[in-house]
C-alpha atoms as a PDB file:
ATOM      1  CA  MET A   1      -0.173  -0.376   0.456  1.00  0.00           C
ATOM      2  CA  ALA A   2       1.604   2.960  -1.134  1.00  0.00           C
ATOM      3  CA  LEU A   3      -0.084   7.132  -0.165  1.00  0.00           C
ATOM      4  CA  LEU A   4      -0.759   9.748  -2.203  1.00  0.00           C
ATOM      5  CA  ALA A   5      -0.668  13.846  -2.169  1.00  0.00           C
ATOM      6  CA  THR A   6      -3.121  13.446  -4.290  1.00  0.00           C
ATOM      7  CA  LEU A   7      -4.423  11.452  -6.659  1.00  0.00           C
ATOM      8  CA  LYS A   8      -5.406  13.942 -10.568  1.00  0.00           C
ATOM      9  CA  PHE A   9      -8.126  12.026 -13.265  1.00  0.00           C
ATOM     10  CA  GLY A  10      -9.363  15.030 -15.364  1.00  0.00           C
ATOM     11  CA  GLU A  11      -9.449  17.543 -13.651  1.00  0.00           C
ATOM     12  CA  PHE A  12     -10.631  15.995 -10.333  1.00  0.00           C
ATOM     13  CA  SER A  13      -8.911  15.177  -7.567  1.00  0.00           C
ATOM     14  CA  LEU A  14      -8.899  13.828  -4.318  1.00  0.00           C
ATOM     15  CA  PRO A  15      -5.951  14.192  -1.303  1.00  0.00           C
ATOM     16  CA  ASN A  16      -3.783  11.545   0.630  1.00  0.00           C
ATOM     17  CA  PHE A  17      -4.818   8.966  -1.500  1.00  0.00           C
ATOM     18  CA  GLU A  18      -4.337   5.079  -0.858  1.00  0.00           C
ATOM     19  CA  PHE A  19      -3.191   2.570  -3.500  1.00  0.00           C
ATOM     20  CA  GLU A  20      -2.108  -0.792  -4.539  1.00  0.00           C
ATOM     21  CA  VAL A  21      -0.368  -1.788  -7.616  1.00  0.00           C
ATOM     22  CA  GLY A  22      -0.005  -5.259  -8.405  1.00  0.00           C
ATOM     23  CA  GLY A  23      -0.050  -7.520 -11.620  1.00  0.00           C
ATOM     24  CA  MET A  24      -3.214  -8.878 -12.840  1.00  0.00           C
ATOM     25  CA  ASP A  25      -3.656 -11.540 -15.973  1.00  0.00           C
ATOM     26  CA  TYR A  26      -7.274 -11.716 -16.737  1.00  0.00           C
ATOM     27  CA  GLY A  27      -6.042 -13.114 -20.566  1.00  0.00           C
ATOM     28  CA  PHE A  28      -6.850  -9.874 -21.898  1.00  0.00           C
ATOM     29  CA  LYS A  29      -5.080  -6.374 -21.453  1.00  0.00           C
ATOM     30  CA  ILE A  30      -6.252  -3.793 -18.861  1.00  0.00           C
ATOM     31  CA  HIS A  31      -4.501  -0.461 -18.348  1.00  0.00           C
ATOM     32  CA  ASP A  32      -5.920   1.285 -15.266  1.00  0.00           C
ATOM     33  CA  ILE A  33      -8.312   0.084 -12.588  1.00  0.00           C
ATOM     34  CA  LEU A  34     -10.769   2.345 -10.220  1.00  0.00           C
ATOM     35  CA  GLY A  35     -11.189   1.308  -7.170  1.00  0.00           C
ATOM     36  CA  MET A  36     -14.836   1.358  -5.503  1.00  0.00           C
ATOM     37  CA  ASP A  37     -12.671   2.921  -2.868  1.00  0.00           C
ATOM     38  CA  PHE A  38     -11.819   6.494  -5.421  1.00  0.00           C
ATOM     39  CA  LEU A  39     -15.600   5.696  -7.902  1.00  0.00           C
ATOM     40  CA  ILE A  40     -17.082   6.356  -4.503  1.00  0.00           C
ATOM     41  CA  GLY A  41     -15.235   9.474  -3.379  1.00  0.00           C
ATOM     42  CA  SER A  42     -14.485  10.721  -5.758  1.00  0.00           C
ATOM     43  CA  GLY A  43     -18.576  10.813  -6.448  1.00  0.00           C
ATOM     44  CA  ALA A  44     -17.488   9.669  -9.983  1.00  0.00           C
ATOM     45  CA  ILE A  45     -21.055   8.033 -12.273  1.00  0.00           C
ATOM     46  CA  ILE A  46     -20.547   6.602 -15.245  1.00  0.00           C
ATOM     47  CA  ASN A  47     -23.219   5.622 -17.931  1.00  0.00           C
ATOM     48  CA  LEU A  48     -23.433   1.927 -18.933  1.00  0.00           C
ATOM     49  CA  ASN A  49     -24.022   2.109 -22.471  1.00  0.00           C
ATOM     50  CA  THR A  50     -21.315   4.477 -23.141  1.00  0.00           C
ATOM     51  CA  MET A  51     -18.945   4.355 -20.375  1.00  0.00           C
ATOM     52  CA  PRO A  52     -18.178   7.946 -19.235  1.00  0.00           C
ATOM     53  CA  ILE A  53     -16.957   9.447 -16.431  1.00  0.00           C
ATOM     54  CA  GLN A  54     -18.707  12.496 -14.588  1.00  0.00           C
ATOM     55  CA  PHE A  55     -17.390  13.836 -11.601  1.00  0.00           C
ATOM     56  CA  GLU A  56     -19.930  15.930  -9.315  1.00  0.00           C
ATOM     57  CA  LEU A  57     -16.883  18.926  -8.391  1.00  0.00           C
END
């Protein structure tokens, strides 16, 4: 586990964000995974039909 002073995603940022880095093999390429702690903390809204992510700033 590591701590970032600030995690920025586009124009949104979360201070003091804990994260983990590890390898996972799902049989296809995955660039990044956003965890529920980030999605909830950022107020993310994901349209599952078109896949954009919006944030409640």
